[in-house]
Amino acid sequence: MDRMLYISMSGAKQTMLAQTVNSNNLANVSTHGFRADYFQQRSQPVFGDGYASRAYAMTENPAFKSQAGMLETTGRQLDVAINGDGWLVVQADPQTGAEAFTRAGNLKVDEAGFLVTHSGLQVLGDGGPINLPPFEQIEIASDGTLSILPVGQDAAALAVVDRIKLVNPPLEELTKGKDGLIHAKNGIVANPDPNVRIISGALETSNVSAVESLVQMIDLSRRYEMQVKMMKTADRAAEITTQMMRL
């Protein structure tokens, strides 16, 4: 009886964890450049002293969904979307200089003149974080080249100031962190890829399917209810067994 109770209890716990992952995906259905997390469940033997006669359920996050989202035209000068495969590079940790990758291209310029993401992470260029002087107009070419029209200058004064670092490391070398950013598994710095192209004045939407996530939410809720019923059944069976032993 303890096996039935243990399996259903661990199953209910892991179903709740899977529901957490699915709920996070659904909550980010409108987050630009978001990559959905996959989750899977499997049985795992309990190892320890003696024979491994028990098993429990385990939820894993084996990978993230790499499929690109839809392109949304905005016309905003600082909005960019990756055309095909590739990533924008941001500085995930200013203290260590660690890099991370993102597809969220809704950029802005902060008070210090740095080009940053919507969450405030500095976008990296050829020589590090991109810092822009005051400008009246900015253009971003398909290869990431940044050209600005300085304040008070005529159109002929358009000047190149930097280039956004664009990379395309193999997917098997990437992992998604708890910060929602994509990181290299080995922690190495990715080299710029000249084949990566961006589209200015557009944004990539989340690759989360709201319909699919809602269906999964209903399915996981039913699984949880089934596991709870199994726990109650095991409890009732244990009570009946105890009563029979008293006779």
Protein backbone atom coordinates (compact mmCIF):
# COMPACT_ATOMS: atom_id res chain seq x y z
CA MET A 1 0.00 0.00 0.00
CA ASP A 2 2.89 2.34 0.72
CA ARG A 3 4.05 1.98 -2.88
CA MET A 4 0.69 3.18 -4.21
CA LEU A 5 0.65 6.14 -1.83
CA TYR A 6 4.27 7.09 -2.55
CA ILE A 7 3.90 6.93 -6.31
CA SER A 8 0.68 8.98 -6.34
CA MET A 9 2.14 11.51 -3.90
CA SER A 10 5.30 12.04 -5.94
CA GLY A 11 3.19 12.15 -9.11
CA ALA A 12 1.00 14.91 -7.68
CA LYS A 13 4.07 16.91 -6.60
CA GLN A 14 5.75 16.66 -10.00
CA THR A 15 2.49 17.51 -11.79
CA MET A 16 2.38 20.73 -9.79
CA LEU A 17 5.94 21.51 -10.91
CA ALA A 18 4.96 20.87 -14.54
CA GLN A 19 1.95 23.14 -14.08
CA THR A 20 4.32 25.85 -12.81
CA VAL A 21 6.40 25.62 -16.00
CA ASN A 22 3.29 25.67 -18.19
CA SER A 23 1.83 28.63 -16.29
CA ASN A 24 5.07 30.56 -16.76
CA ASN A 25 4.89 29.90 -20.50
CA LEU A 26 1.30 31.09 -20.61
CA ALA A 27 2.12 34.21 -18.59
CA ASN A 28 4.73 35.16 -21.21
CA VAL A 29 2.54 34.68 -24.26
CA SER A 30 2.82 38.43 -24.93
CA THR A 31 6.53 38.80 -24.04
CA HIS A 32 8.55 39.66 -27.12
CA GLY A 33 11.26 37.15 -28.00
CA PHE A 34 10.24 34.73 -25.23
CA ARG A 35 11.18 31.07 -25.65
CA ALA A 36 8.78 28.51 -24.16
CA ASP A 37 10.13 25.83 -21.82
CA TYR A 38 9.53 22.17 -22.52
CA PHE A 39 8.76 19.78 -19.67
CA GLN A 40 8.50 16.03 -19.43
CA GLN A 41 7.78 13.47 -16.73
CA ARG A 42 9.27 10.04 -16.20
CA SER A 43 9.62 7.43 -13.48
CA GLN A 44 12.88 7.25 -11.54
CA PRO A 45 13.94 4.40 -9.20
CA VAL A 46 14.70 5.34 -5.59
CA PHE A 47 18.30 4.37 -4.90
CA GLY A 48 19.64 3.84 -1.39
CA ASP A 49 20.38 1.08 1.08
CA GLY A 50 18.88 -2.19 -0.07
CA TYR A 51 17.10 -3.13 -3.27
CA ALA A 52 15.66 -0.32 -5.43
CA SER A 53 12.04 -1.45 -5.18
CA ARG A 54 10.45 1.99 -5.14
CA ALA A 55 10.00 4.53 -7.89
CA TYR A 56 8.87 8.11 -8.02
CA ALA A 57 7.81 10.58 -10.71
CA MET A 58 10.22 13.27 -11.86
CA THR A 59 9.60 16.40 -13.92
CA GLU A 60 12.41 17.65 -16.15
CA ASN A 61 13.02 20.70 -18.32
CA PRO A 62 15.08 19.11 -21.09
CA ALA A 63 15.18 22.12 -23.42
CA PHE A 64 13.44 25.25 -24.61
CA LYS A 65 11.34 25.68 -27.72
CA SER A 66 13.66 27.11 -30.38
CA GLN A 67 11.00 27.82 -33.01
CA ALA A 68 10.83 31.51 -33.91
CA GLY A 69 7.78 33.59 -33.13
CA MET A 70 5.82 35.73 -35.55
CA LEU A 71 7.16 39.06 -36.78
CA GLU A 72 5.26 42.18 -35.71
CA THR A 73 5.91 45.40 -37.62
CA THR A 74 6.16 48.45 -35.35
CA GLY A 75 8.04 51.07 -37.39
CA ARG A 76 9.94 52.14 -34.26
CA GLN A 77 13.61 52.95 -34.93
CA LEU A 78 14.96 50.97 -31.98
CA ASP A 79 12.86 47.85 -32.53
CA VAL A 80 14.75 44.97 -34.16
CA ALA A 81 13.93 41.34 -34.92
CA ILE A 82 16.29 38.53 -35.87
CA ASN A 83 15.65 37.38 -39.43
CA GLY A 84 16.00 33.60 -39.16
CA ASP A 85 18.47 32.00 -36.74
CA GLY A 86 20.65 33.97 -34.38
CA TRP A 87 20.67 36.00 -31.17
CA LEU A 88 21.33 39.45 -29.82
CA VAL A 89 24.08 39.49 -27.17
CA VAL A 90 23.54 41.26 -23.86
CA GLN A 91 25.63 41.69 -20.72
CA ALA A 92 23.96 39.45 -18.16
CA ASP A 93 26.32 40.31 -15.29
CA PRO A 94 28.14 43.69 -15.34
CA GLN A 95 30.55 42.56 -12.59
CA THR A 96 31.84 39.47 -14.39
CA GLY A 97 31.08 40.59 -17.94
CA ALA A 98 29.15 37.37 -18.57
CA GLU A 99 27.21 37.33 -21.82
CA ALA A 100 23.72 36.03 -22.54
CA PHE A 101 21.55 35.79 -25.63
CA THR A 102 18.06 37.07 -26.35
CA ARG A 103 15.60 37.55 -29.21
CA ALA A 104 13.80 40.43 -27.48
CA GLY A 105 14.57 43.38 -29.73
CA ASN A 106 12.49 46.15 -28.13
CA LEU A 107 15.53 48.28 -27.33
CA LYS A 108 15.89 51.72 -25.78
CA VAL A 109 18.59 54.18 -24.72
CA ASP A 110 19.01 54.69 -20.96
CA GLU A 111 19.94 57.91 -19.17
CA ALA A 112 23.67 57.16 -19.51
CA GLY A 113 23.36 56.70 -23.28
CA PHE A 114 23.71 52.92 -23.28
CA LEU A 115 21.62 50.83 -25.65
CA VAL A 116 19.65 48.44 -23.43
CA THR A 117 16.86 45.89 -23.66
CA HIS A 118 13.37 46.52 -22.27
CA SER A 119 14.56 44.99 -18.97
CA GLY A 120 17.62 47.24 -18.76
CA LEU A 121 20.35 44.83 -19.90
CA GLN A 122 23.12 46.47 -21.91
CA VAL A 123 23.34 45.38 -25.55
CA LEU A 124 26.87 44.44 -26.63
CA GLY A 125 28.63 45.64 -29.76
CA ASP A 126 32.04 45.09 -31.30
CA GLY A 127 33.84 46.63 -28.34
CA GLY A 128 31.51 45.93 -25.44
CA PRO A 129 28.36 47.74 -24.25
CA ILE A 130 27.04 50.13 -26.89
CA ASN A 131 27.05 53.77 -25.79
CA LEU A 132 25.40 56.33 -28.06
CA PRO A 133 25.94 60.10 -28.11
CA PRO A 134 22.86 62.34 -28.27
CA PHE A 135 21.15 61.88 -31.63
CA GLU A 136 18.14 63.03 -33.58
CA GLN A 137 17.84 59.93 -35.75
CA ILE A 138 19.18 56.39 -35.64
CA GLU A 139 19.33 53.69 -38.29
CA ILE A 140 20.06 50.01 -37.74
CA ALA A 141 21.26 48.09 -40.79
CA SER A 142 20.54 44.42 -41.43
CA ASP A 143 24.03 43.46 -40.21
CA GLY A 144 23.53 45.35 -36.94
CA THR A 145 25.46 48.49 -37.91
CA LEU A 146 24.29 51.52 -35.93
CA SER A 147 24.30 54.90 -37.65
CA ILE A 148 23.15 58.09 -35.97
CA LEU A 149 22.45 61.69 -36.94
CA PRO A 150 24.00 63.78 -34.13
CA VAL A 151 21.94 66.55 -32.58
CA GLY A 152 22.11 69.76 -34.60
CA GLN A 153 23.67 68.16 -37.70
CA ASP A 154 22.24 67.89 -41.21
CA ALA A 155 21.34 64.60 -42.94
CA ALA A 156 24.79 64.34 -44.54
CA ALA A 157 26.37 63.97 -41.09
CA LEU A 158 24.95 60.46 -40.58
CA ALA A 159 27.81 58.51 -38.93
CA VAL A 160 28.46 54.88 -37.99
CA VAL A 161 29.05 54.53 -34.24
CA ASP A 162 29.00 50.77 -33.54
CA ARG A 163 27.55 47.44 -34.57
CA ILE A 164 25.29 45.14 -32.57
CA LYS A 165 26.94 41.82 -31.80
CA LEU A 166 24.97 39.04 -33.47
CA VAL A 167 25.78 35.38 -32.83
CA ASN A 168 24.43 31.98 -33.80
CA PRO A 169 25.96 29.20 -31.64
CA PRO A 170 24.66 25.61 -32.06
CA LEU A 171 21.40 24.99 -30.19
CA GLU A 172 22.84 21.95 -28.40
CA GLU A 173 25.34 24.29 -26.71
CA LEU A 174 22.63 26.57 -25.33
CA THR A 175 20.52 26.42 -22.21
CA LYS A 176 17.84 28.67 -20.79
CA GLY A 177 18.54 30.24 -17.40
CA LYS A 178 16.17 31.16 -14.61
CA ASP A 179 16.55 34.78 -15.70
CA GLY A 180 14.75 33.94 -18.96
CA LEU A 181 17.91 34.52 -21.00
CA ILE A 182 19.75 31.98 -23.12
CA HIS A 183 23.25 31.05 -21.95
CA ALA A 184 26.11 29.01 -23.38
CA LYS A 185 26.44 25.73 -21.46
CA ASN A 186 30.22 25.91 -21.39
CA GLY A 187 30.26 29.62 -20.51
CA ILE A 188 32.47 30.58 -23.45
CA VAL A 189 32.08 33.85 -25.34
CA ALA A 190 30.37 33.33 -28.71
CA ASN A 191 32.00 34.82 -31.79
CA PRO A 192 30.03 37.20 -34.03
CA ASP A 193 28.33 35.54 -37.00
CA PRO A 194 28.29 37.69 -40.17
CA ASN A 195 25.42 35.61 -41.58
CA VAL A 196 22.93 36.69 -38.90
CA ARG A 197 20.59 39.41 -40.11
CA ILE A 198 18.08 41.63 -38.36
CA ILE A 199 14.99 43.50 -39.45
CA SER A 200 14.65 47.08 -38.21
CA GLY A 201 11.26 48.42 -37.16
CA ALA A 202 9.89 45.00 -36.20
CA LEU A 203 9.65 42.73 -33.17
CA GLU A 204 9.46 38.97 -32.74
CA THR A 205 6.53 37.78 -30.67
CA SER A 206 6.65 34.99 -28.10
CA ASN A 207 6.71 31.45 -29.50
CA VAL A 208 4.22 30.30 -26.85
CA SER A 209 0.94 28.93 -28.20
CA ALA A 210 -1.83 30.14 -25.90
CA VAL A 211 -4.22 27.43 -27.07
CA GLU A 212 -1.66 24.66 -26.54
CA SER A 213 -0.74 25.97 -23.08
CA LEU A 214 -4.39 26.16 -22.03
CA VAL A 215 -4.98 22.58 -23.18
CA GLN A 216 -1.91 21.46 -21.22
CA MET A 217 -3.15 23.32 -18.18
CA ILE A 218 -6.44 21.41 -18.27
CA ASP A 219 -4.62 18.11 -18.82
CA LEU A 220 -2.24 18.71 -15.92
CA SER A 221 -5.15 19.69 -13.65
CA ARG A 222 -6.88 16.40 -14.43
CA ARG A 223 -3.66 14.48 -13.79
CA TYR A 224 -3.32 16.17 -10.41
CA GLU A 225 -6.90 15.31 -9.50
CA MET A 226 -6.29 11.68 -10.49
CA GLN A 227 -3.19 11.50 -8.29
CA VAL A 228 -5.08 12.96 -5.33
CA LYS A 229 -7.87 10.39 -5.81
CA MET A 230 -5.23 7.65 -5.81
CA MET A 231 -3.85 8.99 -2.52
CA LYS A 232 -7.33 8.96 -0.98
CA THR A 233 -7.94 5.43 -2.28
CA ALA A 234 -4.65 4.26 -0.76
CA ASP A 235 -5.62 5.89 2.55
CA ARG A 236 -9.02 4.19 2.58
CA ALA A 237 -7.45 0.83 1.71
CA ALA A 238 -4.99 1.24 4.57
CA GLU A 239 -7.86 1.97 7.00
CA ILE A 240 -9.74 -1.14 5.86
CA THR A 241 -6.59 -3.24 6.23
CA THR A 242 -6.06 -1.89 9.76
CA GLN A 243 -9.67 -2.75 10.72
CA MET A 244 -9.27 -6.28 9.37
CA MET A 245 -6.06 -6.78 11.36
CA ARG A 246 -7.91 -5.81 14.54
CA LEU A 247 -10.45 -8.61 14.11
